[in-house]
Each structure stands twice: as structure tokens, then as C-alpha cells.
Amino acid sequence: MAQHNDLGKQGELIARKYLENKGYQILETNWQYSHAEIDILALKDDILAVIEVKTRTSDYYGKPEMFVSKKKINLLKNAANYYVKMNNLDVEIRFDIIAIIKNQYVEEIEHLEDAFLWF
């Protein structure tokens, strides 16, 4: 597996543990619909958090959350709507980004709730 794939998987594991420690119930990881993949679907307080995890070794080229494209956002929205309908859920949907900087010297995590309001 390529090194960037390993970093991405490490980031998803860090994000999952972070969310569990914050009281989220993890429903799905790497859930796929059509051309979209949702990194984490988690439930807390009747809110379905659709979470995109972005992991980088530094922020030299920009913060990790800046690498979520408009195309990705649209794919996530469509997939989330399908997930809610498929599972007959009566929940509010929120789109979050968990941005992680991880290298041999540092591990930083930032949870951006309602992140797509800014894009």
C-alpha cells in the first residue's frame, strides 16, 4: 500500500477514536454509495455526522480541510441523503471534517462541525 494510503488509514483510526471518546456512536466507516465514500458516519444526540477525514504530514501546502473539493462535498451530500433514506432514519444531518496533522513529531486533530457551510 502506498505511504499516503497508510497515512489516510492512520488518520481515520485517530478520528474514530477521537469521536468515540467524545460520545459518538460509529455507525459505518468507509461506507460507499455510487461514486462517493463516506469516511465515517457517526450518531450523537439525534444528529448524523457525515465525516470526511483529511490527514496530512504538515500544513505547508495548506490546512488539511482545504483539500475537500466541491465535487467531493456534492458526492457526500448525495450519499448521506441516500443513507438516511435507506435506513429510514429520522435525524438531522451534519457534515464535518476532521483535519489531522500527523508526522513523527506531532499529532494534531481539529474537528470542524458543520464544515460545509464554509465551502
PDB file of N, CA and C in Angstrom:
ATOM      1  N   MET A   1       0.846  -1.177   0.000  1.00  0.00           N
ATOM      2  CA  MET A   1       0.000   0.000   0.000  1.00  0.00           C
ATOM      3  C   MET A   1       0.888   1.235   0.000  1.00  0.00           C
ATOM      4  N   ALA A   2       0.484   2.247  -0.762  1.00  0.00           N
ATOM      5  CA  ALA A   2       1.257   3.477  -0.849  1.00  0.00           C
ATOM      6  C   ALA A   2       1.292   4.184   0.499  1.00  0.00           C
ATOM      7  N   GLN A   3       2.364   4.946   0.729  1.00  0.00           N
ATOM      8  CA  GLN A   3       2.553   5.616   2.007  1.00  0.00           C
ATOM      9  C   GLN A   3       1.405   6.575   2.329  1.00  0.00           C
ATOM     10  N   HIS A   4       0.882   7.297   1.304  1.00  0.00           N
ATOM     11  CA  HIS A   4      -0.223   8.220   1.572  1.00  0.00           C
ATOM     12  C   HIS A   4      -1.490   7.473   1.960  1.00  0.00           C
ATOM     13  N   ASN A   5      -1.677   6.255   1.449  1.00  0.00           N
ATOM     14  CA  ASN A   5      -2.824   5.439   1.863  1.00  0.00           C
ATOM     15  C   ASN A   5      -2.690   5.019   3.322  1.00  0.00           C
ATOM     16  N   ASP A   6      -1.480   4.649   3.721  1.00  0.00           N
ATOM     17  CA  ASP A   6      -1.227   4.295   5.125  1.00  0.00           C
ATOM     18  C   ASP A   6      -1.526   5.473   6.038  1.00  0.00           C
ATOM     19  N   LEU A   7      -1.097   6.663   5.646  1.00  0.00           N
ATOM     20  CA  LEU A   7      -1.348   7.865   6.434  1.00  0.00           C
ATOM     21  C   LEU A   7      -2.849   8.116   6.548  1.00  0.00           C
ATOM     22  N   GLY A   8      -3.568   7.943   5.456  1.00  0.00           N
ATOM     23  CA  GLY A   8      -5.018   8.129   5.469  1.00  0.00           C
ATOM     24  C   GLY A   8      -5.712   7.158   6.411  1.00  0.00           C
ATOM     25  N   LYS A   9      -5.293   5.904   6.380  1.00  0.00           N
ATOM     26  CA  LYS A   9      -5.881   4.893   7.278  1.00  0.00           C
ATOM     27  C   LYS A   9      -5.555   5.205   8.735  1.00  0.00           C
ATOM     28  N   GLN A  10      -4.327   5.658   9.003  1.00  0.00           N
ATOM     29  CA  GLN A  10      -3.960   6.055  10.361  1.00  0.00           C
ATOM     30  C   GLN A  10      -4.838   7.213  10.826  1.00  0.00           C
ATOM     31  N   GLY A  11      -5.059   8.179   9.934  1.00  0.00           N
ATOM     32  CA  GLY A  11      -5.897   9.325  10.265  1.00  0.00           C
ATOM     33  C   GLY A  11      -7.325   8.919  10.572  1.00  0.00           C
ATOM     34  N   GLU A  12      -7.867   7.995   9.802  1.00  0.00           N
ATOM     35  CA  GLU A  12      -9.233   7.532  10.048  1.00  0.00           C
ATOM     36  C   GLU A  12      -9.339   6.824  11.396  1.00  0.00           C
ATOM     37  N   LEU A  13      -8.330   6.070  11.755  1.00  0.00           N
ATOM     38  CA  LEU A  13      -8.322   5.398  13.063  1.00  0.00           C
ATOM     39  C   LEU A  13      -8.244   6.431  14.196  1.00  0.00           C
ATOM     40  N   ILE A  14      -7.404   7.436  14.040  1.00  0.00           N
ATOM     41  CA  ILE A  14      -7.297   8.509  15.034  1.00  0.00           C
ATOM     42  C   ILE A  14      -8.642   9.221  15.172  1.00  0.00           C
ATOM     43  N   ALA A  15      -9.271   9.523  14.035  1.00  0.00           N
ATOM     44  CA  ALA A  15     -10.561  10.220  14.046  1.00  0.00           C
ATOM     45  C   ALA A  15     -11.638   9.382  14.721  1.00  0.00           C
ATOM     46  N   ARG A  16     -11.642   8.104  14.428  1.00  0.00           N
ATOM     47  CA  ARG A  16     -12.646   7.215  15.028  1.00  0.00           C
ATOM     48  C   ARG A  16     -12.501   7.189  16.557  1.00  0.00           C
ATOM     49  N   LYS A  17     -11.273   7.023  17.039  1.00  0.00           N
ATOM     50  CA  LYS A  17     -11.037   7.010  18.486  1.00  0.00           C
ATOM     51  C   LYS A  17     -11.422   8.352  19.114  1.00  0.00           C
ATOM     52  N   TYR A  18     -11.103   9.431  18.443  1.00  0.00           N
ATOM     53  CA  TYR A  18     -11.454  10.763  18.914  1.00  0.00           C
ATOM     54  C   TYR A  18     -12.972  10.887  19.077  1.00  0.00           C
ATOM     55  N   LEU A  19     -13.712  10.458  18.054  1.00  0.00           N
ATOM     56  CA  LEU A  19     -15.176  10.555  18.090  1.00  0.00           C
ATOM     57  C   LEU A  19     -15.774   9.672  19.183  1.00  0.00           C
ATOM     58  N   GLU A  20     -15.264   8.462  19.315  1.00  0.00           N
ATOM     59  CA  GLU A  20     -15.762   7.562  20.359  1.00  0.00           C
ATOM     60  C   GLU A  20     -15.533   8.171  21.739  1.00  0.00           C
ATOM     61  N   ASN A  21     -14.385   8.801  21.941  1.00  0.00           N
ATOM     62  CA  ASN A  21     -14.094   9.462  23.221  1.00  0.00           C
ATOM     63  C   ASN A  21     -15.009  10.657  23.472  1.00  0.00           C
ATOM     64  N   LYS A  22     -15.562  11.235  22.403  1.00  0.00           N
ATOM     65  CA  LYS A  22     -16.486  12.367  22.523  1.00  0.00           C
ATOM     66  C   LYS A  22     -17.943  11.902  22.611  1.00  0.00           C
ATOM     67  N   GLY A  23     -18.169  10.591  22.668  1.00  0.00           N
ATOM     68  CA  GLY A  23     -19.516  10.068  22.846  1.00  0.00           C
ATOM     69  C   GLY A  23     -20.284   9.768  21.581  1.00  0.00           C
ATOM     70  N   TYR A  24     -19.625   9.769  20.441  1.00  0.00           N
ATOM     71  CA  TYR A  24     -20.279   9.426  19.184  1.00  0.00           C
ATOM     72  C   TYR A  24     -20.398   7.910  19.052  1.00  0.00           C
ATOM     73  N   GLN A  25     -21.496   7.473  18.452  1.00  0.00           N
ATOM     74  CA  GLN A  25     -21.676   6.066  18.107  1.00  0.00           C
ATOM     75  C   GLN A  25     -21.294   5.926  16.634  1.00  0.00           C
ATOM     76  N   ILE A  26     -20.272   5.155  16.349  1.00  0.00           N
ATOM     77  CA  ILE A  26     -19.835   4.951  14.971  1.00  0.00           C
ATOM     78  C   ILE A  26     -20.796   3.960  14.308  1.00  0.00           C
ATOM     79  N   LEU A  27     -21.430   4.400  13.229  1.00  0.00           N
ATOM     80  CA  LEU A  27     -22.372   3.541  12.510  1.00  0.00           C
ATOM     81  C   LEU A  27     -21.701   2.827  11.344  1.00  0.00           C
ATOM     82  N   GLU A  28     -20.868   3.550  10.622  1.00  0.00           N
ATOM     83  CA  GLU A  28     -20.208   2.996   9.438  1.00  0.00           C
ATOM     84  C   GLU A  28     -18.850   3.662   9.270  1.00  0.00           C
ATOM     85  N   THR A  29     -17.934   2.926   8.664  1.00  0.00           N
ATOM     86  CA  THR A  29     -16.678   3.520   8.213  1.00  0.00           C
ATOM     87  C   THR A  29     -16.471   3.108   6.769  1.00  0.00           C
ATOM     88  N   ASN A  30     -15.929   4.012   5.992  1.00  0.00           N
ATOM     89  CA  ASN A  30     -15.662   3.784   4.570  1.00  0.00           C
ATOM     90  C   ASN A  30     -16.901   3.266   3.830  1.00  0.00           C
ATOM     91  N   TRP A  31     -18.044   3.893   4.111  1.00  0.00           N
ATOM     92  CA  TRP A  31     -19.308   3.493   3.505  1.00  0.00           C
ATOM     93  C   TRP A  31     -19.397   4.075   2.100  1.00  0.00           C
ATOM     94  N   GLN A  32     -19.772   3.241   1.137  1.00  0.00           N
ATOM     95  CA  GLN A  32     -19.773   3.658  -0.258  1.00  0.00           C
ATOM     96  C   GLN A  32     -21.167   3.668  -0.858  1.00  0.00           C
ATOM     97  N   TYR A  33     -21.392   4.674  -1.672  1.00  0.00           N
ATOM     98  CA  TYR A  33     -22.615   4.788  -2.458  1.00  0.00           C
ATOM     99  C   TYR A  33     -22.254   5.471  -3.767  1.00  0.00           C
ATOM    100  N   SER A  34     -22.607   4.843  -4.857  1.00  0.00           N
ATOM    101  CA  SER A  34     -22.322   5.382  -6.178  1.00  0.00           C
ATOM    102  C   SER A  34     -20.819   5.693  -6.277  1.00  0.00           C
ATOM    103  N   HIS A  35     -20.462   6.939  -6.516  1.00  0.00           N
ATOM    104  CA  HIS A  35     -19.046   7.312  -6.647  1.00  0.00           C
ATOM    105  C   HIS A  35     -18.483   7.945  -5.381  1.00  0.00           C
ATOM    106  N   ALA A  36     -19.244   7.870  -4.296  1.00  0.00           N
ATOM    107  CA  ALA A  36     -18.824   8.517  -3.050  1.00  0.00           C
ATOM    108  C   ALA A  36     -18.415   7.499  -2.009  1.00  0.00           C
ATOM    109  N   GLU A  37     -17.487   7.909  -1.165  1.00  0.00           N
ATOM    110  CA  GLU A  37     -17.140   7.129   0.020  1.00  0.00           C
ATOM    111  C   GLU A  37     -17.167   8.077   1.214  1.00  0.00           C
ATOM    112  N   ILE A  38     -17.974   7.718   2.201  1.00  0.00           N
ATOM    113  CA  ILE A  38     -18.028   8.494   3.438  1.00  0.00           C
ATOM    114  C   ILE A  38     -17.073   7.838   4.419  1.00  0.00           C
ATOM    115  N   ASP A  39     -16.105   8.610   4.902  1.00  0.00           N
ATOM    116  CA  ASP A  39     -15.099   8.048   5.805  1.00  0.00           C
ATOM    117  C   ASP A  39     -15.737   7.519   7.086  1.00  0.00           C
ATOM    118  N   ILE A  40     -16.573   8.343   7.729  1.00  0.00           N
ATOM    119  CA  ILE A  40     -17.207   7.931   8.985  1.00  0.00           C
ATOM    120  C   ILE A  40     -18.629   8.476   9.037  1.00  0.00           C
ATOM    121  N   LEU A  41     -19.563   7.612   9.388  1.00  0.00           N
ATOM    122  CA  LEU A  41     -20.931   8.006   9.724  1.00  0.00           C
ATOM    123  C   LEU A  41     -21.090   7.745  11.208  1.00  0.00           C
ATOM    124  N   ALA A  42     -21.415   8.791  11.959  1.00  0.00           N
ATOM    125  CA  ALA A  42     -21.495   8.667  13.418  1.00  0.00           C
ATOM    126  C   ALA A  42     -22.747   9.380  13.921  1.00  0.00           C
ATOM    127  N   LEU A  43     -23.289   8.853  15.004  1.00  0.00           N
ATOM    128  CA  LEU A  43     -24.520   9.390  15.576  1.00  0.00           C
ATOM    129  C   LEU A  43     -24.255   9.918  16.982  1.00  0.00           C
ATOM    130  N   LYS A  44     -24.804  11.119  17.228  1.00  0.00           N
ATOM    131  CA  LYS A  44     -24.745  11.690  18.574  1.00  0.00           C
ATOM    132  C   LYS A  44     -25.900  12.672  18.719  1.00  0.00           C
ATOM    133  N   ASP A  45     -26.701  12.484  19.762  1.00  0.00           N
ATOM    134  CA  ASP A  45     -27.813  13.396  20.050  1.00  0.00           C
ATOM    135  C   ASP A  45     -28.747  13.580  18.860  1.00  0.00           C
ATOM    136  N   ASP A  46     -29.134  12.486  18.218  1.00  0.00           N
ATOM    137  CA  ASP A  46     -30.040  12.509  17.056  1.00  0.00           C
ATOM    138  C   ASP A  46     -29.501  13.324  15.884  1.00  0.00           C
ATOM    139  N   ILE A  47     -28.195  13.450  15.819  1.00  0.00           N
ATOM    140  CA  ILE A  47     -27.540  14.094  14.678  1.00  0.00           C
ATOM    141  C   ILE A  47     -26.642  13.064  14.019  1.00  0.00           C
ATOM    142  N   LEU A  48     -26.846  12.884  12.713  1.00  0.00           N
ATOM    143  CA  LEU A  48     -25.978  12.015  11.940  1.00  0.00           C
ATOM    144  C   LEU A  48     -24.827  12.862  11.416  1.00  0.00           C
ATOM    145  N   ALA A  49     -23.641  12.606  11.911  1.00  0.00           N
ATOM    146  CA  ALA A  49     -22.447  13.325  11.459  1.00  0.00           C
ATOM    147  C   ALA A  49     -21.823  12.551  10.310  1.00  0.00           C
ATOM    148  N   VAL A  50     -21.761  13.203   9.167  1.00  0.00           N
ATOM    149  CA  VAL A  50     -21.107  12.659   7.984  1.00  0.00           C
ATOM    150  C   VAL A  50     -19.717  13.278   7.988  1.00  0.00           C
ATOM    151  N   ILE A  51     -18.716  12.433   8.182  1.00  0.00           N
ATOM    152  CA  ILE A  51     -17.383  12.967   8.483  1.00  0.00           C
ATOM    153  C   ILE A  51     -16.368  12.587   7.419  1.00  0.00           C
ATOM    154  N   GLU A  52     -15.736  13.618   6.882  1.00  0.00           N
ATOM    155  CA  GLU A  52     -14.626  13.463   5.959  1.00  0.00           C
ATOM    156  C   GLU A  52     -13.347  13.664   6.769  1.00  0.00           C
ATOM    157  N   VAL A  53     -12.441  12.712   6.683  1.00  0.00           N
ATOM    158  CA  VAL A  53     -11.180  12.787   7.417  1.00  0.00           C
ATOM    159  C   VAL A  53     -10.076  13.161   6.425  1.00  0.00           C
ATOM    160  N   LYS A  54      -9.343  14.201   6.749  1.00  0.00           N
ATOM    161  CA  LYS A  54      -8.219  14.630   5.924  1.00  0.00           C
ATOM    162  C   LYS A  54      -6.964  14.627   6.787  1.00  0.00           C
ATOM    163  N   THR A  55      -5.988  13.856   6.363  1.00  0.00           N
ATOM    164  CA  THR A  55      -4.746  13.715   7.120  1.00  0.00           C
ATOM    165  C   THR A  55      -3.570  14.127   6.250  1.00  0.00           C
ATOM    166  N   ARG A  56      -2.718  14.941   6.800  1.00  0.00           N
ATOM    167  CA  ARG A  56      -1.508  15.397   6.121  1.00  0.00           C
ATOM    168  C   ARG A  56      -0.340  15.324   7.105  1.00  0.00           C
ATOM    169  N   THR A  57       0.874  15.313   6.563  1.00  0.00           N
ATOM    170  CA  THR A  57       2.055  15.302   7.418  1.00  0.00           C
ATOM    171  C   THR A  57       2.437  16.710   7.870  1.00  0.00           C
ATOM    172  N   SER A  58       1.945  17.733   7.164  1.00  0.00           N
ATOM    173  CA  SER A  58       2.192  19.122   7.553  1.00  0.00           C
ATOM    174  C   SER A  58       1.122  19.998   6.917  1.00  0.00           C
ATOM    175  N   ASP A  59       1.125  21.255   7.310  1.00  0.00           N
ATOM    176  CA  ASP A  59       0.213  22.202   6.684  1.00  0.00           C
ATOM    177  C   ASP A  59       0.973  23.164   5.763  1.00  0.00           C
ATOM    178  N   TYR A  60       2.121  22.727   5.294  1.00  0.00           N
ATOM    179  CA  TYR A  60       2.966  23.559   4.436  1.00  0.00           C
ATOM    180  C   TYR A  60       2.214  24.025   3.193  1.00  0.00           C
ATOM    181  N   TYR A  61       1.429  23.150   2.583  1.00  0.00           N
ATOM    182  CA  TYR A  61       0.678  23.490   1.370  1.00  0.00           C
ATOM    183  C   TYR A  61      -0.762  23.911   1.674  1.00  0.00           C
ATOM    184  N   GLY A  62      -1.120  23.994   2.930  1.00  0.00           N
ATOM    185  CA  GLY A  62      -2.460  24.378   3.333  1.00  0.00           C
ATOM    186  C   GLY A  62      -2.987  23.418   4.382  1.00  0.00           C
ATOM    187  N   LYS A  63      -3.991  23.875   5.108  1.00  0.00           N
ATOM    188  CA  LYS A  63      -4.597  23.034   6.142  1.00  0.00           C
ATOM    189  C   LYS A  63      -5.306  21.858   5.482  1.00  0.00           C
ATOM    190  N   PRO A  64      -5.362  20.727   6.162  1.00  0.00           N
ATOM    191  CA  PRO A  64      -5.965  19.528   5.563  1.00  0.00           C
ATOM    192  C   PRO A  64      -7.385  19.748   5.045  1.00  0.00           C
ATOM    193  N   GLU A  65      -8.191  20.517   5.772  1.00  0.00           N
ATOM    194  CA  GLU A  65      -9.585  20.713   5.375  1.00  0.00           C
ATOM    195  C   GLU A  65      -9.727  21.449   4.051  1.00  0.00           C
ATOM    196  N   MET A  66      -8.691  22.154   3.626  1.00  0.00           N
ATOM    197  CA  MET A  66      -8.748  22.885   2.364  1.00  0.00           C
ATOM    198  C   MET A  66      -8.693  21.953   1.149  1.00  0.00           C
ATOM    199  N   PHE A  67      -8.438  20.672   1.383  1.00  0.00           N
ATOM    200  CA  PHE A  67      -8.324  19.717   0.295  1.00  0.00           C
ATOM    201  C   PHE A  67      -9.614  18.928   0.052  1.00  0.00           C
ATOM    202  N   VAL A  68     -10.727  19.419   0.588  1.00  0.00           N
ATOM    203  CA  VAL A  68     -12.032  18.828   0.307  1.00  0.00           C
ATOM    204  C   VAL A  68     -12.649  19.653  -0.816  1.00  0.00           C
ATOM    205  N   SER A  69     -12.820  19.030  -1.978  1.00  0.00           N
ATOM    206  CA  SER A  69     -13.304  19.751  -3.152  1.00  0.00           C
ATOM    207  C   SER A  69     -14.826  19.889  -3.148  1.00  0.00           C
ATOM    208  N   LYS A  70     -15.323  20.802  -3.953  1.00  0.00           N
ATOM    209  CA  LYS A  70     -16.774  20.971  -4.103  1.00  0.00           C
ATOM    210  C   LYS A  70     -17.401  19.700  -4.675  1.00  0.00           C
ATOM    211  N   LYS A  71     -16.688  19.050  -5.565  1.00  0.00           N
ATOM    212  CA  LYS A  71     -17.191  17.788  -6.123  1.00  0.00           C
ATOM    213  C   LYS A  71     -17.357  16.744  -5.018  1.00  0.00           C
ATOM    214  N   LYS A  72     -16.362  16.647  -4.133  1.00  0.00           N
ATOM    215  CA  LYS A  72     -16.427  15.705  -3.015  1.00  0.00           C
ATOM    216  C   LYS A  72     -17.600  16.041  -2.098  1.00  0.00           C
ATOM    217  N   ILE A  73     -17.794  17.312  -1.831  1.00  0.00           N
ATOM    218  CA  ILE A  73     -18.897  17.743  -0.973  1.00  0.00           C
ATOM    219  C   ILE A  73     -20.231  17.308  -1.567  1.00  0.00           C
ATOM    220  N   ASN A  74     -20.417  17.522  -2.859  1.00  0.00           N
ATOM    221  CA  ASN A  74     -21.667  17.114  -3.505  1.00  0.00           C
ATOM    222  C   ASN A  74     -21.864  15.607  -3.466  1.00  0.00           C
ATOM    223  N   LEU A  75     -20.802  14.848  -3.672  1.00  0.00           N
ATOM    224  CA  LEU A  75     -20.892  13.389  -3.594  1.00  0.00           C
ATOM    225  C   LEU A  75     -21.289  12.948  -2.181  1.00  0.00           C
ATOM    226  N   LEU A  76     -20.692  13.578  -1.174  1.00  0.00           N
ATOM    227  CA  LEU A  76     -21.010  13.238   0.211  1.00  0.00           C
ATOM    228  C   LEU A  76     -22.457  13.558   0.550  1.00  0.00           C
ATOM    229  N   LYS A  77     -22.952  14.689   0.072  1.00  0.00           N
ATOM    230  CA  LYS A  77     -24.338  15.068   0.337  1.00  0.00           C
ATOM    231  C   LYS A  77     -25.302  14.052  -0.267  1.00  0.00           C
ATOM    232  N   ASN A  78     -25.055  13.659  -1.501  1.00  0.00           N
ATOM    233  CA  ASN A  78     -25.917  12.664  -2.154  1.00  0.00           C
ATOM    234  C   ASN A  78     -25.875  11.330  -1.426  1.00  0.00           C
ATOM    235  N   ALA A  79     -24.688  10.904  -1.052  1.00  0.00           N
ATOM    236  CA  ALA A  79     -24.537   9.619  -0.358  1.00  0.00           C
ATOM    237  C   ALA A  79     -25.219   9.660   1.009  1.00  0.00           C
ATOM    238  N   ALA A  80     -25.075  10.764   1.720  1.00  0.00           N
ATOM    239  CA  ALA A  80     -25.690  10.889   3.051  1.00  0.00           C
ATOM    240  C   ALA A  80     -27.210  10.843   2.950  1.00  0.00           C
ATOM    241  N   ASN A  81     -27.767  11.545   1.971  1.00  0.00           N
ATOM    242  CA  ASN A  81     -29.217  11.516   1.786  1.00  0.00           C
ATOM    243  C   ASN A  81     -29.702  10.105   1.489  1.00  0.00           C
ATOM    244  N   TYR A  82     -28.968   9.386   0.657  1.00  0.00           N
ATOM    245  CA  TYR A  82     -29.337   8.007   0.358  1.00  0.00           C
ATOM    246  C   TYR A  82     -29.259   7.136   1.616  1.00  0.00           C
ATOM    247  N   TYR A  83     -28.212   7.307   2.404  1.00  0.00           N
ATOM    248  CA  TYR A  83     -28.035   6.521   3.629  1.00  0.00           C
ATOM    249  C   TYR A  83     -29.207   6.722   4.584  1.00  0.00           C
ATOM    250  N   VAL A  84     -29.625   7.961   4.746  1.00  0.00           N
ATOM    251  CA  VAL A  84     -30.737   8.271   5.649  1.00  0.00           C
ATOM    252  C   VAL A  84     -32.028   7.624   5.149  1.00  0.00           C
ATOM    253  N   LYS A  85     -32.281   7.732   3.854  1.00  0.00           N
ATOM    254  CA  LYS A  85     -33.498   7.125   3.286  1.00  0.00           C
ATOM    255  C   LYS A  85     -33.447   5.606   3.374  1.00  0.00           C
ATOM    256  N   MET A  86     -32.300   5.023   3.019  1.00  0.00           N
ATOM    257  CA  MET A  86     -32.139   3.572   3.021  1.00  0.00           C
ATOM    258  C   MET A  86     -32.364   2.983   4.417  1.00  0.00           C
ATOM    259  N   ASN A  87     -31.935   3.703   5.439  1.00  0.00           N
ATOM    260  CA  ASN A  87     -32.043   3.218   6.815  1.00  0.00           C
ATOM    261  C   ASN A  87     -33.242   3.799   7.567  1.00  0.00           C
ATOM    262  N   ASN A  88     -34.066   4.553   6.832  1.00  0.00           N
ATOM    263  CA  ASN A  88     -35.277   5.134   7.407  1.00  0.00           C
ATOM    264  C   ASN A  88     -34.983   5.867   8.719  1.00  0.00           C
ATOM    265  N   LEU A  89     -33.968   6.720   8.687  1.00  0.00           N
ATOM    266  CA  LEU A  89     -33.545   7.452   9.874  1.00  0.00           C
ATOM    267  C   LEU A  89     -34.275   8.786   9.978  1.00  0.00           C
ATOM    268  N   ASP A  90     -34.627   9.153  11.179  1.00  0.00           N
ATOM    269  CA  ASP A  90     -35.241  10.452  11.449  1.00  0.00           C
ATOM    270  C   ASP A  90     -34.230  11.274  12.253  1.00  0.00           C
ATOM    271  N   VAL A  91     -33.259  11.813  11.536  1.00  0.00           N
ATOM    272  CA  VAL A  91     -32.155  12.529  12.171  1.00  0.00           C
ATOM    273  C   VAL A  91     -31.822  13.783  11.366  1.00  0.00           C
ATOM    274  N   GLU A  92     -31.173  14.697  12.035  1.00  0.00           N
ATOM    275  CA  GLU A  92     -30.590  15.840  11.357  1.00  0.00           C
ATOM    276  C   GLU A  92     -29.238  15.389  10.813  1.00  0.00           C
ATOM    277  N   ILE A  93     -28.871  15.891   9.645  1.00  0.00           N
ATOM    278  CA  ILE A  93     -27.580  15.545   9.042  1.00  0.00           C
ATOM    279  C   ILE A  93     -26.640  16.733   9.194  1.00  0.00           C
ATOM    280  N   ARG A  94     -25.419  16.444   9.613  1.00  0.00           N
ATOM    281  CA  ARG A  94     -24.392  17.475   9.739  1.00  0.00           C
ATOM    282  C   ARG A  94     -23.140  16.968   9.040  1.00  0.00           C
ATOM    283  N   PHE A  95     -22.482  17.829   8.302  1.00  0.00           N
ATOM    284  CA  PHE A  95     -21.266  17.466   7.584  1.00  0.00           C
ATOM    285  C   PHE A  95     -20.058  18.065   8.293  1.00  0.00           C
ATOM    286  N   ASP A  96     -19.171  17.191   8.736  1.00  0.00           N
ATOM    287  CA  ASP A  96     -17.982  17.593   9.488  1.00  0.00           C
ATOM    288  C   ASP A  96     -16.716  17.199   8.741  1.00  0.00           C
ATOM    289  N   ILE A  97     -15.652  17.864   9.092  1.00  0.00           N
ATOM    290  CA  ILE A  97     -14.313  17.463   8.648  1.00  0.00           C
ATOM    291  C   ILE A  97     -13.467  17.278   9.898  1.00  0.00           C
ATOM    292  N   ILE A  98     -12.744  16.195   9.928  1.00  0.00           N
ATOM    293  CA  ILE A  98     -11.717  16.033  10.956  1.00  0.00           C
ATOM    294  C   ILE A  98     -10.381  16.172  10.237  1.00  0.00           C
ATOM    295  N   ALA A  99      -9.664  17.234  10.593  1.00  0.00           N
ATOM    296  CA  ALA A  99      -8.386  17.562   9.980  1.00  0.00           C
ATOM    297  C   ALA A  99      -7.271  17.128  10.922  1.00  0.00           C
ATOM    298  N   ILE A 100      -6.357  16.345  10.383  1.00  0.00           N
ATOM    299  CA  ILE A 100      -5.279  15.788  11.203  1.00  0.00           C
ATOM    300  C   ILE A 100      -3.925  16.108  10.573  1.00  0.00           C
ATOM    301  N   ILE A 101      -3.023  16.584  11.399  1.00  0.00           N
ATOM    302  CA  ILE A 101      -1.613  16.715  11.024  1.00  0.00           C
ATOM    303  C   ILE A 101      -0.878  15.658  11.835  1.00  0.00           C
ATOM    304  N   LYS A 102      -0.215  14.736  11.136  1.00  0.00           N
ATOM    305  CA  LYS A 102       0.493  13.655  11.823  1.00  0.00           C
ATOM    306  C   LYS A 102       1.821  13.405  11.132  1.00  0.00           C
ATOM    307  N   ASN A 103       2.871  13.494  11.942  1.00  0.00           N
ATOM    308  CA  ASN A 103       4.199  13.109  11.486  1.00  0.00           C
ATOM    309  C   ASN A 103       4.962  12.591  12.696  1.00  0.00           C
ATOM    310  N   GLN A 104       6.235  12.386  12.565  1.00  0.00           N
ATOM    311  CA  GLN A 104       6.990  11.790  13.677  1.00  0.00           C
ATOM    312  C   GLN A 104       7.102  12.714  14.883  1.00  0.00           C
ATOM    313  N   TYR A 105       6.810  14.000  14.705  1.00  0.00           N
ATOM    314  CA  TYR A 105       6.964  14.955  15.796  1.00  0.00           C
ATOM    315  C   TYR A 105       5.643  15.424  16.405  1.00  0.00           C
ATOM    316  N   VAL A 106       4.569  15.338  15.656  1.00  0.00           N
ATOM    317  CA  VAL A 106       3.316  15.947  16.105  1.00  0.00           C
ATOM    318  C   VAL A 106       2.112  15.130  15.643  1.00  0.00           C
ATOM    319  N   GLU A 107       1.048  15.203  16.433  1.00  0.00           N
ATOM    320  CA  GLU A 107      -0.248  14.650  16.046  1.00  0.00           C
ATOM    321  C   GLU A 107      -1.298  15.646  16.524  1.00  0.00           C
ATOM    322  N   GLU A 108      -1.855  16.396  15.583  1.00  0.00           N
ATOM    323  CA  GLU A 108      -2.861  17.403  15.888  1.00  0.00           C
ATOM    324  C   GLU A 108      -4.177  17.002  15.242  1.00  0.00           C
ATOM    325  N   ILE A 109      -5.263  17.218  15.956  1.00  0.00           N
ATOM    326  CA  ILE A 109      -6.584  16.906  15.419  1.00  0.00           C
ATOM    327  C   ILE A 109      -7.498  18.108  15.634  1.00  0.00           C
ATOM    328  N   GLU A 110      -8.244  18.433  14.587  1.00  0.00           N
ATOM    329  CA  GLU A 110      -9.220  19.515  14.667  1.00  0.00           C
ATOM    330  C   GLU A 110     -10.532  19.010  14.091  1.00  0.00           C
ATOM    331  N   HIS A 111     -11.598  19.147  14.867  1.00  0.00           N
ATOM    332  CA  HIS A 111     -12.934  18.698  14.447  1.00  0.00           C
ATOM    333  C   HIS A 111     -13.732  19.927  14.040  1.00  0.00           C
ATOM    334  N   LEU A 112     -14.025  20.028  12.749  1.00  0.00           N
ATOM    335  CA  LEU A 112     -14.777  21.159  12.212  1.00  0.00           C
ATOM    336  C   LEU A 112     -16.220  20.717  11.985  1.00  0.00           C
ATOM    337  N   GLU A 113     -17.105  21.109  12.894  1.00  0.00           N
ATOM    338  CA  GLU A 113     -18.512  20.761  12.765  1.00  0.00           C
ATOM    339  C   GLU A 113     -19.176  21.711  11.762  1.00  0.00           C
ATOM    340  N   ASP A 114     -20.166  21.187  11.031  1.00  0.00           N
ATOM    341  CA  ASP A 114     -20.862  21.973  10.003  1.00  0.00           C
ATOM    342  C   ASP A 114     -19.855  22.600   9.041  1.00  0.00           C
ATOM    343  N   ALA A 115     -18.859  21.861   8.683  1.00  0.00           N
ATOM    344  CA  ALA A 115     -17.742  22.383   7.881  1.00  0.00           C
ATOM    345  C   ALA A 115     -18.158  22.837   6.493  1.00  0.00           C
ATOM    346  N   PHE A 116     -19.167  22.214   5.928  1.00  0.00           N
ATOM    347  CA  PHE A 116     -19.505  22.547   4.543  1.00  0.00           C
ATOM    348  C   PHE A 116     -20.249  23.867   4.420  1.00  0.00           C
ATOM    349  N   LEU A 117     -20.653  24.451   5.534  1.00  0.00           N
ATOM    350  CA  LEU A 117     -21.250  25.779   5.471  1.00  0.00           C
ATOM    351  C   LEU A 117     -20.226  26.794   4.986  1.00  0.00           C
ATOM    352  N   TRP A 118     -18.950  26.461   5.154  1.00  0.00           N
ATOM    353  CA  TRP A 118     -17.872  27.384   4.793  1.00  0.00           C
ATOM    354  C   TRP A 118     -17.379  27.199   3.370  1.00  0.00           C
ATOM    355  N   PHE A 119     -17.888  26.167   2.676  1.00  0.00           N
ATOM    356  CA  PHE A 119     -17.406  25.895   1.312  1.00  0.00           C
ATOM    357  C   PHE A 119     -18.434  26.310   0.294  1.00  0.00           C
TER     358      PHE A 119
END
